[in-house]
Structure formats: structure tokens, C-alpha cells
């Protein structure tokens, strides 16, 4: 059985977001990606994005950049180190296009597949 960590050791541990994909969900929100829609329509892609985020070694920088973005500025430095950057930017643009099509009366919905191909679906 491993020893119980001391309060000093617990204080040195990184925050929980360094072990899970919570930074991914914040980044999705900052890029206007609907995580619920993505999880429903493309579950494999959704889980792949989570896995890449969980294994990322730039979580501390990501947390700092997200705090800066939440403050009103929008630096794009995160795109240089984030393994999910291209997918998140693309998904954000495509979901915006899908919403615009719905408002124009169109019924198209654009979805990015795991391999990055674009699929246009009509209900």
C-alpha cells in the first residue's frame, strides 16, 4: 500500500486539470465548439481529442493561455503547442457554418470525421 502523502506533498501536486481533459472542454468553449454535439455525432473523434489532451505536456502553458483568453484577449499562441489545435479551429469554423446554414433555412450539417474529412449531412 502506498504511503499517504503529506500536506506538503499534496500542495506540490499539479491541479486536477493536469490529469484530465478539462482544459480541452474550456478550449472547445473558447473556439465555439459544441462538445455535446461532437460527442453525439463523432464519439471516436471526441475521445481521441480527449486522449491527446490528457497526454499533452503543455498543460501549464495551456492553463495560462486560457486564463488570458478568458480575460478578453485572444492570443493564438496555444495553436503552436496544442495537439488538438487544428481540429478545434476547424470544428469551430464548421459548426459556425452549420449554424449559419440553419438560420438561412438550409438543413446541412457539417461534421469532421476522425481522419479530418468533411461530411455534409442533411436530416
Protein backbone atom coordinates (compact mmCIF):
# COMPACT_ATOMS: atom_id res chain seq x y z
CA UNK A 1 0.00 0.00 0.00
CA UNK A 2 1.49 3.42 -0.95
CA UNK A 3 2.13 5.86 1.88
CA UNK A 4 -0.37 8.63 2.50
CA UNK A 5 1.01 11.88 1.04
CA UNK A 6 1.84 14.65 3.45
CA UNK A 7 0.08 18.04 3.15
CA UNK A 8 3.30 19.49 1.76
CA UNK A 9 3.43 16.83 -0.96
CA UNK A 10 -0.22 17.40 -1.80
CA UNK A 11 0.42 21.14 -2.15
CA UNK A 12 3.12 20.38 -4.72
CA UNK A 13 0.83 18.23 -6.86
CA UNK A 14 -0.45 19.82 -10.04
CA UNK A 15 -4.15 20.71 -10.22
CA UNK A 16 -6.67 18.13 -11.36
CA UNK A 17 -6.86 19.66 -14.85
CA UNK A 18 -3.34 18.33 -15.41
CA UNK A 19 -4.66 14.76 -15.23
CA UNK A 20 -7.86 15.00 -17.23
CA UNK A 21 -9.20 16.72 -20.32
CA UNK A 22 -10.92 19.67 -18.61
CA UNK A 23 -8.60 22.08 -20.43
CA UNK A 24 -9.91 20.62 -23.68
CA UNK A 25 -13.50 21.47 -22.76
CA UNK A 26 -12.51 25.05 -21.95
CA UNK A 27 -10.62 25.30 -25.24
CA UNK A 28 -13.67 23.94 -27.08
CA UNK A 29 -15.82 26.64 -25.49
CA UNK A 30 -13.29 29.34 -26.42
CA UNK A 31 -13.40 28.10 -30.02
CA UNK A 32 -17.22 27.82 -30.13
CA UNK A 33 -17.17 24.04 -30.45
CA UNK A 34 -20.27 22.33 -29.10
CA UNK A 35 -18.77 19.42 -27.14
CA UNK A 36 -22.16 17.72 -26.66
CA UNK A 37 -22.85 17.76 -30.39
CA UNK A 38 -19.37 16.46 -31.14
CA UNK A 39 -19.71 13.67 -28.56
CA UNK A 40 -23.06 12.64 -30.03
CA UNK A 41 -22.15 12.83 -33.72
CA UNK A 42 -18.47 11.85 -33.68
CA UNK A 43 -17.73 9.92 -30.47
CA UNK A 44 -14.44 8.47 -31.73
CA UNK A 45 -13.10 11.91 -32.63
CA UNK A 46 -14.34 13.27 -29.32
CA UNK A 47 -12.47 10.58 -27.38
CA UNK A 48 -9.35 10.98 -29.50
CA UNK A 49 -9.26 14.71 -28.71
CA UNK A 50 -9.61 13.90 -25.00
CA UNK A 51 -6.79 11.37 -25.16
CA UNK A 52 -4.44 13.81 -26.86
CA UNK A 53 -5.26 16.49 -24.31
CA UNK A 54 -4.74 14.14 -21.39
CA UNK A 55 -1.28 13.18 -22.66
CA UNK A 56 -0.21 16.73 -23.58
CA UNK A 57 2.92 18.06 -21.88
CA UNK A 58 1.94 21.73 -22.24
CA UNK A 59 -0.93 21.82 -19.75
CA UNK A 60 0.59 24.55 -17.58
CA UNK A 61 1.05 26.86 -20.58
CA UNK A 62 -2.44 25.95 -21.79
CA UNK A 63 -3.98 26.93 -18.45
CA UNK A 64 -2.14 30.27 -18.52
CA UNK A 65 -3.20 30.95 -22.10
CA UNK A 66 -6.82 30.08 -21.34
CA UNK A 67 -6.83 32.44 -18.37
CA UNK A 68 -5.52 35.19 -20.64
CA UNK A 69 -8.14 34.43 -23.28
CA UNK A 70 -10.91 34.47 -20.68
CA UNK A 71 -9.73 37.97 -19.72
CA UNK A 72 -10.72 39.31 -23.12
CA UNK A 73 -7.53 38.99 -25.11
CA UNK A 74 -7.26 36.23 -27.67
CA UNK A 75 -3.66 35.16 -28.25
CA UNK A 76 -3.21 32.31 -30.68
CA UNK A 77 -0.04 31.01 -29.03
CA UNK A 78 -1.90 27.85 -27.91
CA UNK A 79 -2.11 26.75 -31.53
CA UNK A 80 1.68 26.27 -31.60
CA UNK A 81 1.79 23.60 -28.87
CA UNK A 82 -1.72 22.12 -28.67
CA UNK A 83 -2.01 18.71 -30.34
CA UNK A 84 -5.71 19.42 -30.94
CA UNK A 85 -5.32 22.95 -32.34
CA UNK A 86 -6.11 22.28 -35.99
CA UNK A 87 -9.08 20.07 -35.12
CA UNK A 88 -10.54 22.62 -32.67
CA UNK A 89 -10.17 25.55 -35.05
CA UNK A 90 -11.67 23.53 -37.90
CA UNK A 91 -14.54 22.24 -35.77
CA UNK A 92 -15.31 25.76 -34.54
CA UNK A 93 -15.47 27.11 -38.08
CA UNK A 94 -17.56 24.20 -39.34
CA UNK A 95 -20.06 24.36 -36.51
CA UNK A 96 -20.40 28.10 -37.16
CA UNK A 97 -21.07 27.33 -40.83
CA UNK A 98 -23.66 24.73 -39.83
CA UNK A 99 -25.42 27.22 -37.59
CA UNK A 100 -25.39 29.84 -40.34
CA UNK A 101 -26.92 27.34 -42.77
CA UNK A 102 -29.71 26.58 -40.29
CA UNK A 103 -30.50 30.27 -39.96
CA UNK A 104 -30.61 30.65 -43.74
CA UNK A 105 -33.11 27.82 -43.94
CA UNK A 106 -30.67 25.14 -45.11
CA UNK A 107 -30.62 21.77 -43.47
CA UNK A 108 -26.96 20.90 -43.99
CA UNK A 109 -24.79 19.95 -41.06
CA UNK A 110 -21.03 19.78 -41.45
CA UNK A 111 -19.13 17.20 -39.42
CA UNK A 112 -15.40 16.47 -39.30
CA UNK A 113 -14.55 12.80 -39.20
CA UNK A 114 -11.65 11.26 -37.33
CA UNK A 115 -9.42 11.45 -40.40
CA UNK A 116 -10.21 15.11 -40.96
CA UNK A 117 -12.56 14.67 -43.90
CA UNK A 118 -15.69 16.78 -44.09
CA UNK A 119 -19.10 15.16 -44.29
CA UNK A 120 -22.21 17.19 -45.13
CA UNK A 121 -25.33 15.57 -43.70
CA UNK A 122 -28.91 16.51 -44.29
CA UNK A 123 -31.56 15.48 -41.75
